[in-house]
Amino acid sequence: MSKRAGSSPSYGSGCEVVQNGNGTSSSTKVPPEGKVEPPKDKVELKKKVTLLRGISIIIGTIIGAGIFISPKGILKHSGSVGMSLVVWIACGVLSLFGALSYAELGTCIQKSGGHYIYILETFGPFMAFVRLWADLIAIRPAGLAVISLAFGRYILEPIFTPCGVPEIAIKLATSIGITSVMYLNSMSVTWTARIQIFLTGCKLLAMAIIILPGFYQLCKGETQNFQNAFQLESVHLTGLPLAFYSGMYAYAGWFYLNFVTEEVENPERTVPLAICISMAIVTCCYVLTNVAYFAVMSAEELLASDAVAVTFAERLMGNFSVVVPIFVALSCFGSMNGCLFAFSRMFYVASREGHLPEVLSMIHIRRHTPLPAVIILYPVTLLILWSGDLYSLLNFMSFLRWLFIGVAVLGLIYLRYTRPDMPRPFKVPLFIPAVFCFTCFLMVFLSLYSDPVNTGIGFAISLTGIPAYYIFIVFNNKPKWLLRLSDSLNRSIQIILEVVPADH
């Protein structure tokens, strides 16, 4: 997987690759008289992520289907209505701590790639590659498949009501959804961002449709479900950590803007501001949505519902409730779009660092999108969708997410002491990363304690990255026929996809 300088030329659209003195490549046009002229438009990822687009990426990836379908994990483990709302607020604050820590990392290490690049910069290539390997073979394709399945189910529900949706139809719709997201991200960064803004607006509109009628019910005096909201006898201290685990999972997604730092306009200002605004909006929306649910449903009714937003709408809106599944589907599509936009940049950066095949760090010559990095997960995601038990796979890998996020934030503390003179345009008090780091490792411990079998399987899957690192990265004496085959594949993919190395 590692690169070799000058190992493969780049082709496409009349471009000739010129090897620079520093070993990098740049594409130039060769006019008829033979004079080499610089390209009019550099082939690179443009800085098109504004503050509004950054906010839409964060909100659009955090708010998925969960808040509309089944926000009962927190209620179940917290034991009371009041305590569940406290957990929602506390998880929002803890997630803000993590987001602020990532804001400092994103402004002092101004590279795309998120967790991967921060671990690489602080703890070296070995740990970064293990994280990347787990992402590539399991976490990212399984996560994309799960949210896509929710999209497929809810986009078809109005068509098949009152009957159940056939599983084959769900998977077909899911495949179409995955394909459309891949196509959109391959064609245009601008349109990807515009559609993300639109879908984020749809999510917030859907939550407003729940919040406003719910608070109208409260104004009418429907407060019986909030009586004795903090019944201490129903609160179990042993369940509170699991409630926090569910809450932190619901807020997951605040880190995705850090995956595209190099495409953010004025990252020193935009990244921290987008993170703070987004987390404030999401926390308020989550808490107010749950208050609206409890204004209409009792705790017992909420726990018994498989799709809380649908039950809520049926109680208050009658036939209008049919639009709720459509909003849930749009919310899922927004999460799919935002996630793919973000983690494709991680694969792009990992290729640039020599941890993935060279072609994944190449860019389409006209559309300026990292086309190979966008589509790399497409076959794996479809394979998992049609053949795998992807919910179990997600259970295997969920603890790894928090383990490596904790390691990345630990790296922030490590850099404070090892590189105190490092420029830090945005700096947080040290207790913020310390508290968040402790929370992450606590959730990892809870995973090991509550589900040691699945957690152990996930840990074993991640350990396969160790031999992969030594085979693909460390071992340099590869057979010549393998190197020739790799170069040939690189050339063929470049010609087919019309991609070239980025101009530096």
Protein backbone atom coordinates (compact mmCIF):
# COMPACT_ATOMS: atom_id res chain seq x y z
CA MET A 1 0.00 0.00 0.00
CA SER A 2 2.88 2.38 0.55
CA LYS A 3 3.86 4.80 -2.21
CA ARG A 4 7.03 4.79 -4.24
CA ALA A 5 8.15 8.11 -5.65
CA GLY A 6 7.56 8.30 -9.36
CA SER A 7 6.03 4.82 -9.45
CA SER A 8 3.08 5.68 -11.63
CA PRO A 9 2.37 8.48 -14.11
CA SER A 10 -0.96 10.28 -14.28
CA TYR A 11 -3.13 10.63 -17.32
CA GLY A 12 -6.30 12.36 -18.37
CA SER A 13 -7.70 15.30 -20.37
CA GLY A 14 -4.50 16.26 -22.15
CA CYS A 15 -2.57 16.55 -18.89
CA GLU A 16 1.03 15.48 -18.61
CA VAL A 17 2.49 14.73 -15.20
CA VAL A 18 5.70 16.57 -14.37
CA GLN A 19 7.81 15.26 -11.50
CA ASN A 20 8.94 18.20 -9.37
CA GLY A 21 12.21 18.43 -7.48
CA ASN A 22 10.54 17.53 -4.21
CA GLY A 23 9.12 14.32 -5.61
CA THR A 24 5.56 15.60 -6.03
CA SER A 25 3.63 15.58 -9.26
CA SER A 26 1.71 18.31 -11.01
CA SER A 27 -0.39 18.27 -14.15
CA THR A 28 0.42 20.66 -17.01
CA LYS A 29 -0.93 21.26 -20.49
CA VAL A 30 1.50 20.73 -23.37
CA PRO A 31 0.73 23.16 -26.23
CA PRO A 32 1.48 22.26 -29.88
CA GLU A 33 4.75 24.24 -29.97
CA GLY A 34 6.06 22.12 -27.12
CA LYS A 35 6.22 24.82 -24.48
CA VAL A 36 5.05 23.76 -21.05
CA GLU A 37 2.55 26.15 -19.50
CA PRO A 38 1.18 25.99 -15.97
CA PRO A 39 -2.44 24.90 -15.65
CA LYS A 40 -4.99 27.69 -15.43
CA ASP A 41 -6.87 25.91 -12.68
CA LYS A 42 -4.91 23.91 -10.14
CA VAL A 43 -6.10 20.36 -9.54
CA GLU A 44 -6.73 20.41 -5.80
CA LEU A 45 -9.49 20.30 -3.21
CA LYS A 46 -10.92 23.81 -3.05
CA LYS A 47 -11.76 25.68 0.15
CA LYS A 48 -15.54 25.58 -0.29
CA VAL A 49 -16.67 24.80 3.26
CA THR A 50 -18.02 28.07 4.66
CA LEU A 51 -19.35 28.59 8.18
CA LEU A 52 -22.91 27.71 7.10
CA ARG A 53 -21.74 24.60 5.28
CA GLY A 54 -19.62 23.59 8.26
CA ILE A 55 -22.63 23.90 10.56
CA SER A 56 -24.73 21.85 8.14
CA ILE A 57 -22.08 19.10 8.05
CA ILE A 58 -22.01 18.80 11.85
CA ILE A 59 -25.76 19.07 12.46
CA GLY A 60 -26.55 16.97 9.42
CA THR A 61 -24.36 14.08 10.58
CA ILE A 62 -25.30 14.20 14.28
CA ILE A 63 -29.07 14.26 13.79
CA GLY A 64 -29.94 10.95 12.17
CA ALA A 65 -32.92 8.66 12.65
CA GLY A 66 -32.42 7.95 16.36
CA ILE A 67 -34.13 11.01 17.83
CA PHE A 68 -37.19 10.33 15.65
CA ILE A 69 -37.36 6.57 16.09
CA SER A 70 -36.25 5.33 19.48
CA PRO A 71 -34.87 7.75 22.09
CA LYS A 72 -35.77 5.30 24.83
CA GLY A 73 -32.34 3.94 25.76
CA ILE A 74 -31.66 6.95 27.95
CA LEU A 75 -35.10 6.82 29.58
CA LYS A 76 -34.80 3.09 30.22
CA HIS A 77 -31.42 3.33 31.97
CA SER A 78 -31.92 6.69 33.73
CA GLY A 79 -35.14 5.53 35.42
CA SER A 80 -37.22 8.74 35.31
CA VAL A 81 -38.38 11.49 32.99
CA GLY A 82 -36.49 14.23 34.80
CA MET A 83 -33.27 12.28 35.03
CA SER A 84 -33.45 11.38 31.31
CA LEU A 85 -33.62 15.10 30.43
CA VAL A 86 -30.64 15.74 32.71
CA VAL A 87 -28.70 13.02 30.89
CA TRP A 88 -29.58 14.56 27.49
CA ILE A 89 -28.22 17.93 28.68
CA ALA A 90 -25.13 16.41 30.29
CA CYS A 91 -24.30 14.39 27.17
CA GLY A 92 -24.63 17.56 25.10
CA VAL A 93 -22.15 19.33 27.40
CA LEU A 94 -19.72 16.37 27.32
CA SER A 95 -19.98 16.22 23.53
CA LEU A 96 -19.27 19.96 23.43
CA PHE A 97 -16.13 19.28 25.48
CA GLY A 98 -15.02 16.75 22.88
CA ALA A 99 -15.91 19.08 20.04
CA LEU A 100 -13.94 21.95 21.61
CA SER A 101 -10.95 19.64 22.05
CA TYR A 102 -11.18 18.73 18.37
CA ALA A 103 -11.48 22.43 17.52
CA GLU A 104 -8.07 23.01 19.11
CA LEU A 105 -6.63 19.98 17.31
CA GLY A 106 -8.14 21.15 14.02
CA THR A 107 -6.66 24.66 14.30
CA CYS A 108 -3.16 23.62 15.39
CA ILE A 109 -2.96 20.60 13.01
CA GLN A 110 -4.57 22.06 9.89
CA LYS A 111 -4.83 18.84 7.92
CA SER A 112 -7.91 16.89 6.93
CA GLY A 113 -8.41 13.37 8.23
CA GLY A 114 -9.88 13.78 11.72
CA HIS A 115 -8.99 11.04 14.22
CA TYR A 116 -6.49 9.46 11.84
CA ILE A 117 -4.31 12.52 11.29
CA TYR A 118 -4.34 13.55 14.97
CA ILE A 119 -3.23 10.09 16.11
CA LEU A 120 -0.61 10.04 13.34
CA GLU A 121 0.80 13.43 14.39
CA THR A 122 0.92 12.58 18.11
CA PHE A 123 1.46 8.81 18.46
CA GLY A 124 2.94 7.82 15.12
CA PRO A 125 2.00 5.77 12.05
CA PHE A 126 1.43 2.39 13.69
CA MET A 127 -1.51 3.39 15.88
CA ALA A 128 -2.91 5.61 13.13
CA PHE A 129 -2.86 2.73 10.66
CA VAL A 130 -4.64 0.35 13.07
CA ARG A 131 -7.39 2.95 13.45
CA LEU A 132 -7.54 3.42 9.68
CA TRP A 133 -7.68 -0.33 9.08
CA ALA A 134 -10.65 -0.80 11.41
CA ASP A 135 -12.41 2.12 9.70
CA LEU A 136 -11.79 0.75 6.23
CA ILE A 137 -12.78 -2.89 6.69
CA ALA A 138 -15.65 -2.56 9.16
CA ILE A 139 -16.63 0.65 10.97
CA ARG A 140 -17.31 2.99 8.05
CA PRO A 141 -19.00 0.56 5.64
CA ALA A 142 -21.14 -0.96 8.42
CA GLY A 143 -22.11 2.45 9.78
CA LEU A 144 -23.04 3.71 6.31
CA ALA A 145 -25.05 0.56 5.64
CA VAL A 146 -27.00 0.89 8.91
CA ILE A 147 -28.06 4.51 8.38
CA SER A 148 -28.83 3.69 4.73
CA LEU A 149 -31.08 0.84 5.82
CA ALA A 150 -33.06 3.27 7.96
CA PHE A 151 -33.37 5.52 4.89
CA GLY A 152 -34.62 2.62 2.74
CA ARG A 153 -37.17 1.52 5.34
CA TYR A 154 -38.69 4.93 6.02
CA ILE A 155 -38.74 6.19 2.44
CA LEU A 156 -40.91 3.16 1.52
CA GLU A 157 -43.14 3.13 4.59
CA PRO A 158 -45.78 5.60 3.24
CA ILE A 159 -46.08 3.48 0.08
CA PHE A 160 -46.67 0.16 1.88
CA THR A 161 -48.77 1.44 4.80
CA PRO A 162 -50.59 -0.28 6.53
CA CYS A 163 -48.62 -3.37 5.44
CA GLY A 164 -45.02 -4.05 6.38
CA VAL A 165 -42.25 -3.19 3.94
CA PRO A 166 -40.66 -6.28 2.32
CA GLU A 167 -37.01 -6.74 3.21
CA ILE A 168 -35.95 -7.09 -0.43
CA ALA A 169 -37.59 -3.74 -1.22
CA ILE A 170 -35.78 -2.11 1.71
CA LYS A 171 -32.42 -3.37 0.53
CA LEU A 172 -33.08 -2.27 -3.06
CA ALA A 173 -34.07 1.22 -1.90
CA THR A 174 -31.04 1.27 0.38
CA SER A 175 -28.74 0.34 -2.51
CA ILE A 176 -30.21 3.15 -4.61
CA GLY A 177 -29.71 5.58 -1.71
CA ILE A 178 -26.06 4.57 -1.26
CA THR A 179 -25.44 4.85 -5.01
CA SER A 180 -27.01 8.31 -5.22
CA VAL A 181 -24.93 9.60 -2.28
CA MET A 182 -21.75 8.21 -3.83
CA TYR A 183 -22.62 9.82 -7.18
CA LEU A 184 -23.40 13.20 -5.60
CA ASN A 185 -20.11 13.27 -3.66
CA SER A 186 -18.19 12.22 -6.77
CA MET A 187 -19.64 14.91 -9.01
CA SER A 188 -19.46 18.19 -7.06
CA VAL A 189 -18.31 19.47 -3.69
CA THR A 190 -20.50 22.55 -4.12
CA TRP A 191 -23.69 20.61 -4.76
CA THR A 192 -22.87 18.14 -2.00
CA ALA A 193 -22.63 21.07 0.42
CA ARG A 194 -25.80 22.74 -0.93
CA ILE A 195 -27.86 19.58 -0.59
CA GLN A 196 -26.43 19.05 2.90
CA ILE A 197 -27.68 22.52 3.89
CA PHE A 198 -31.13 21.70 2.47
CA LEU A 199 -31.31 18.35 4.27
CA THR A 200 -30.15 19.93 7.53
CA GLY A 201 -33.00 22.41 7.15
CA CYS A 202 -35.39 19.47 6.68
CA LYS A 203 -34.12 17.88 9.90
CA LEU A 204 -34.64 21.07 11.88
CA LEU A 205 -38.09 21.54 10.30
CA ALA A 206 -39.03 17.98 11.29
CA MET A 207 -37.97 18.66 14.87
CA ALA A 208 -39.92 21.92 14.86
CA ILE A 209 -43.01 19.97 13.74
CA ILE A 210 -42.60 17.89 16.91
CA ILE A 211 -41.45 20.62 19.32
CA LEU A 212 -44.10 23.28 18.58
CA PRO A 213 -47.20 21.04 18.97
CA GLY A 214 -45.63 19.48 22.06
CA PHE A 215 -45.15 22.83 23.74
CA TYR A 216 -48.65 23.84 22.69
CA GLN A 217 -49.87 20.85 24.68
CA LEU A 218 -47.81 22.01 27.66
CA CYS A 219 -49.34 25.48 27.42
CA LYS A 220 -52.77 23.83 27.51
CA GLY A 221 -51.81 22.28 30.84
CA GLU A 222 -50.86 18.77 29.69
CA THR A 223 -48.12 18.40 32.30
CA GLN A 224 -49.22 15.20 34.02
CA ASN A 225 -46.27 13.23 32.61
CA PHE A 226 -43.84 15.59 34.33
CA GLN A 227 -45.30 15.10 37.80
CA ASN A 228 -42.78 13.41 40.12
CA ALA A 229 -40.26 13.66 37.27
CA PHE A 230 -37.36 12.94 39.64
CA GLN A 231 -38.59 9.86 41.45
CA LEU A 232 -35.39 8.79 43.17
CA GLU A 233 -36.66 5.31 43.94
CA SER A 234 -36.82 4.55 40.20
CA VAL A 235 -33.30 5.83 39.51
CA HIS A 236 -30.64 3.11 39.44
CA LEU A 237 -27.09 4.38 39.71
CA THR A 238 -25.78 1.28 37.93
CA GLY A 239 -27.88 2.18 34.88
CA LEU A 240 -26.73 5.81 34.59
CA PRO A 241 -23.43 4.99 32.84
CA LEU A 242 -25.38 3.03 30.20
CA ALA A 243 -27.74 6.00 29.82
CA PHE A 244 -24.73 8.24 29.21
CA TYR A 245 -23.40 5.71 26.71
CA SER A 246 -26.67 5.92 24.73
CA GLY A 247 -26.65 9.70 24.95
CA MET A 248 -23.08 10.09 23.74
CA TYR A 249 -23.87 7.79 20.83
CA ALA A 250 -26.85 10.03 19.91
CA TYR A 251 -24.55 13.07 19.81
CA ALA A 252 -21.79 11.32 17.82
CA GLY A 253 -20.90 13.23 14.66
CA TRP A 254 -19.51 16.48 16.07
CA PHE A 255 -16.04 15.46 14.84
CA TYR A 256 -16.82 15.24 11.12
CA LEU A 257 -15.88 18.83 10.24
CA ASN A 258 -12.31 17.99 11.32
CA PHE A 259 -12.18 15.42 8.52
CA VAL A 260 -12.32 18.24 5.92
CA THR A 261 -10.18 20.93 7.61
CA GLU A 262 -8.16 21.63 4.45
CA GLU A 263 -11.37 22.56 2.60
CA VAL A 264 -12.62 24.95 5.29
CA GLU A 265 -12.41 28.70 4.67
CA ASN A 266 -10.42 30.39 7.45
CA PRO A 267 -10.30 27.26 9.66
CA GLU A 268 -8.94 29.15 12.70
CA ARG A 269 -12.27 30.97 12.96
CA THR A 270 -14.70 28.70 11.13
CA VAL A 271 -13.97 25.38 12.87
CA PRO A 272 -14.47 26.53 16.51
CA LEU A 273 -17.45 28.74 15.62
CA ALA A 274 -19.20 26.04 13.58
CA ILE A 275 -18.67 23.49 16.36
CA CYS A 276 -20.02 25.74 19.13
CA ILE A 277 -23.06 26.87 17.14
CA SER A 278 -23.86 23.31 15.99
CA MET A 279 -23.59 21.74 19.43
CA ALA A 280 -25.78 24.44 20.97
CA ILE A 281 -28.45 23.88 18.30
CA VAL A 282 -28.33 20.08 18.54
CA THR A 283 -28.46 20.03 22.36
CA CYS A 284 -31.43 22.43 22.44
CA CYS A 285 -33.25 20.45 19.74
CA TYR A 286 -32.66 17.10 21.47
CA VAL A 287 -33.83 18.33 24.88
CA LEU A 288 -36.87 20.20 23.52
CA THR A 289 -37.87 17.24 21.33
CA ASN A 290 -37.84 14.92 24.34
CA VAL A 291 -39.87 17.43 26.36
CA ALA A 292 -42.41 17.48 23.51
CA TYR A 293 -42.57 13.68 23.50
CA PHE A 294 -43.29 13.59 27.23
CA ALA A 295 -45.98 16.24 26.82
CA VAL A 296 -47.96 13.77 24.72
CA MET A 297 -46.78 10.33 25.89
CA SER A 298 -46.07 8.87 29.29
CA ALA A 299 -42.74 7.20 30.02
CA GLU A 300 -44.37 3.76 29.69
CA GLU A 301 -45.89 4.65 26.29
CA LEU A 302 -42.57 6.00 25.01
CA LEU A 303 -40.75 2.83 26.05
CA ALA A 304 -43.38 0.72 24.29
CA SER A 305 -43.14 2.63 20.98
CA ASP A 306 -40.88 1.40 18.18
CA ALA A 307 -40.98 4.78 16.37
CA VAL A 308 -41.64 7.57 18.85
CA ALA A 309 -42.02 10.38 16.31
CA VAL A 310 -44.60 8.38 14.35
CA THR A 311 -46.58 7.60 17.50
CA PHE A 312 -46.39 11.26 18.50
CA ALA A 313 -47.64 12.41 15.09
CA GLU A 314 -50.50 9.89 15.05
CA ARG A 315 -51.68 11.24 18.42
CA LEU A 316 -51.70 14.91 17.39
CA MET A 317 -51.79 15.16 13.61
CA GLY A 318 -53.97 12.35 12.29
CA ASN A 319 -53.39 11.75 8.57
CA PHE A 320 -50.59 14.31 8.50
CA SER A 321 -48.45 11.79 10.38
CA VAL A 322 -47.63 10.15 7.03
CA VAL A 323 -45.03 12.89 6.42
CA VAL A 324 -42.98 11.88 9.46
CA PRO A 325 -41.41 8.79 7.82
CA ILE A 326 -40.45 11.00 4.85
CA PHE A 327 -38.70 13.46 7.17
CA VAL A 328 -36.94 10.56 8.91
CA ALA A 329 -35.76 9.28 5.51
CA LEU A 330 -34.47 12.74 4.55
CA SER A 331 -32.71 12.95 7.90
CA CYS A 332 -31.00 9.62 7.22
CA PHE A 333 -30.02 10.75 3.72
CA GLY A 334 -28.43 13.86 5.20
CA SER A 335 -26.42 11.73 7.62
CA MET A 336 -25.31 9.47 4.77
CA ASN A 337 -24.24 12.46 2.68
CA GLY A 338 -22.37 14.21 5.50
CA CYS A 339 -20.60 11.06 6.69
CA LEU A 340 -19.42 10.09 3.21
CA PHE A 341 -18.24 13.63 2.46
CA ALA A 342 -16.19 13.61 5.67
CA PHE A 343 -14.61 10.18 5.86
CA SER A 344 -13.71 10.05 2.16
CA ARG A 345 -11.22 12.81 3.08
CA MET A 346 -9.72 10.54 5.72
CA PHE A 347 -8.93 7.92 3.06
CA TYR A 348 -7.62 10.70 0.79
CA VAL A 349 -5.22 11.93 3.50
CA ALA A 350 -4.20 8.38 4.49
CA SER A 351 -3.24 7.70 0.89
CA ARG A 352 -1.27 10.93 0.77
CA GLU A 353 0.59 9.77 3.90
CA GLY A 354 1.43 6.44 2.24
CA HIS A 355 -0.95 4.22 4.26
CA LEU A 356 -3.34 3.44 1.37
CA PRO A 357 -2.87 2.95 -2.39
CA GLU A 358 -1.59 6.05 -4.17
CA VAL A 359 -4.60 6.41 -6.44
CA LEU A 360 -6.86 7.24 -3.45
CA SER A 361 -5.05 10.61 -3.06
CA MET A 362 -5.87 11.66 -6.62
CA ILE A 363 -8.47 14.20 -7.71
CA HIS A 364 -10.78 14.41 -10.71
CA ILE A 365 -9.23 16.79 -13.23
CA ARG A 366 -12.43 18.80 -13.84
CA ARG A 367 -14.73 18.25 -10.86
CA HIS A 368 -11.99 18.60 -8.21
CA THR A 369 -13.43 15.81 -6.06
CA PRO A 370 -11.40 12.95 -4.50
CA LEU A 371 -13.29 10.45 -6.66
CA PRO A 372 -11.33 7.26 -5.79
CA ALA A 373 -11.54 8.01 -2.04
CA VAL A 374 -15.29 8.58 -2.34
CA ILE A 375 -16.09 5.30 -4.09
CA ILE A 376 -13.62 3.04 -2.24
CA LEU A 377 -16.30 1.97 0.28
CA TYR A 378 -19.04 1.39 -2.30
CA PRO A 379 -18.45 -2.35 -3.01
CA VAL A 380 -17.72 -3.17 0.66
CA THR A 381 -20.83 -1.34 1.86
CA LEU A 382 -23.08 -3.15 -0.63
CA LEU A 383 -21.48 -6.48 0.27
CA ILE A 384 -22.15 -5.93 3.98
CA LEU A 385 -25.66 -4.68 3.24
CA TRP A 386 -26.69 -7.77 1.29
CA SER A 387 -24.77 -10.48 3.11
CA GLY A 388 -23.67 -9.43 6.58
CA ASP A 389 -25.17 -9.13 10.04
CA LEU A 390 -24.21 -5.48 10.12
CA TYR A 391 -25.92 -4.64 13.42
CA SER A 392 -23.70 -7.18 15.15
CA LEU A 393 -20.70 -5.75 13.32
CA LEU A 394 -21.56 -2.28 14.62
CA ASN A 395 -21.77 -3.71 18.15
CA PHE A 396 -18.35 -5.27 17.65
CA MET A 397 -16.83 -1.98 16.61
CA SER A 398 -18.70 0.68 18.63
CA PHE A 399 -16.21 0.66 21.50
CA LEU A 400 -13.32 1.26 19.06
CA ARG A 401 -14.84 4.59 18.07
CA TRP A 402 -14.65 5.90 21.62
CA LEU A 403 -11.28 4.28 22.27
CA PHE A 404 -9.59 6.09 19.37
CA ILE A 405 -11.45 9.37 19.94
CA GLY A 406 -10.18 9.21 23.51
CA VAL A 407 -6.67 8.50 22.23
CA ALA A 408 -6.88 11.50 19.85
CA VAL A 409 -7.97 13.84 22.66
CA LEU A 410 -5.26 12.37 24.88
CA GLY A 411 -2.90 13.43 22.10
CA LEU A 412 -4.00 17.04 22.64
CA ILE A 413 -2.87 16.82 26.28
CA TYR A 414 0.34 15.10 25.16
CA LEU A 415 1.10 17.89 22.66
CA ARG A 416 0.60 20.55 25.34
CA TYR A 417 3.65 19.14 27.17
CA THR A 418 5.81 17.87 24.31
CA ARG A 419 5.24 20.81 21.92
CA PRO A 420 4.31 23.80 24.09
CA ASP A 421 5.44 26.31 21.41
CA MET A 422 3.13 24.85 18.76
CA PRO A 423 0.84 27.58 17.30
CA ARG A 424 -2.63 27.24 18.81
CA PRO A 425 -5.06 29.80 17.34
CA PHE A 426 -7.81 28.26 19.49
CA LYS A 427 -6.97 26.87 22.93
CA VAL A 428 -9.24 25.25 25.50
CA PRO A 429 -8.68 24.91 29.27
CA LEU A 430 -6.90 21.64 30.01
CA PHE A 431 -9.73 20.28 32.18
CA ILE A 432 -12.01 20.09 29.10
CA PRO A 433 -9.98 17.44 27.20
CA ALA A 434 -9.18 15.71 30.50
CA VAL A 435 -12.87 15.28 31.41
CA PHE A 436 -13.79 14.17 27.90
CA CYS A 437 -10.88 11.74 27.70
CA PHE A 438 -11.97 10.16 30.98
CA THR A 439 -15.55 9.86 29.61
CA CYS A 440 -14.34 8.08 26.47
CA PHE A 441 -12.26 5.53 28.36
CA LEU A 442 -15.13 4.99 30.80
CA MET A 443 -17.40 4.10 27.88
CA VAL A 444 -14.77 1.70 26.57
CA PHE A 445 -14.65 0.03 29.99
CA LEU A 446 -18.48 -0.18 30.05
CA SER A 447 -18.41 -1.92 26.66
CA LEU A 448 -15.92 -4.46 27.97
CA TYR A 449 -17.99 -5.00 31.11
CA SER A 450 -21.49 -5.14 29.60
CA ASP A 451 -20.73 -7.06 26.40
CA PRO A 452 -17.32 -8.74 26.62
CA VAL A 453 -17.97 -11.22 23.78
CA ASN A 454 -18.90 -8.72 21.06
CA THR A 455 -16.34 -6.23 22.31
CA GLY A 456 -13.68 -8.93 22.22
CA ILE A 457 -14.61 -9.83 18.64
CA GLY A 458 -14.36 -6.16 17.65
CA PHE A 459 -11.00 -5.90 19.34
CA ALA A 460 -9.81 -8.99 17.46
CA ILE A 461 -10.96 -7.50 14.15
CA SER A 462 -8.99 -4.35 14.87
CA LEU A 463 -5.89 -6.40 15.75
CA THR A 464 -5.78 -7.68 12.16
CA GLY A 465 -4.42 -4.22 11.39
CA ILE A 466 -1.12 -5.18 13.05
CA PRO A 467 -0.02 -7.79 10.47
CA ALA A 468 -1.52 -5.61 7.72
CA TYR A 469 0.72 -2.73 8.82
CA TYR A 470 3.87 -4.83 8.65
CA ILE A 471 2.89 -6.47 5.35
CA PHE A 472 1.76 -3.38 3.45
CA ILE A 473 3.74 -0.56 5.09
CA VAL A 474 6.91 -1.83 6.79
CA PHE A 475 7.91 -4.70 4.47
CA ASN A 476 9.67 -3.06 1.51
CA ASN A 477 11.08 -6.09 -0.33
CA LYS A 478 7.95 -6.74 -2.35
CA PRO A 479 8.25 -8.89 -5.50
CA LYS A 480 8.84 -6.94 -8.71
CA TRP A 481 5.82 -8.52 -10.36
CA LEU A 482 3.64 -7.20 -7.54
CA LEU A 483 5.05 -3.70 -7.94
CA ARG A 484 4.47 -3.82 -11.70
CA LEU A 485 0.91 -5.01 -11.15
CA SER A 486 0.30 -2.21 -8.66
CA ASP A 487 1.63 0.40 -11.08
CA SER A 488 -0.50 -1.00 -13.90
CA LEU A 489 -3.64 -0.92 -11.75
CA ASN A 490 -2.87 2.65 -10.71
CA ARG A 491 -2.54 3.76 -14.34
CA SER A 492 -5.71 1.96 -15.39
CA ILE A 493 -7.77 3.45 -12.56
CA GLN A 494 -6.39 6.91 -13.32
CA ILE A 495 -7.41 6.65 -16.97
CA ILE A 496 -10.87 5.27 -16.20
CA LEU A 497 -11.67 7.79 -13.45
CA GLU A 498 -9.78 10.75 -14.99
CA VAL A 499 -7.88 11.54 -11.81
CA VAL A 500 -4.41 13.00 -11.22
CA PRO A 501 -2.29 13.80 -8.16
CA ALA A 502 -3.18 17.07 -6.45
CA ASP A 503 -1.08 20.14 -7.23
CA HIS A 504 0.87 21.31 -4.20
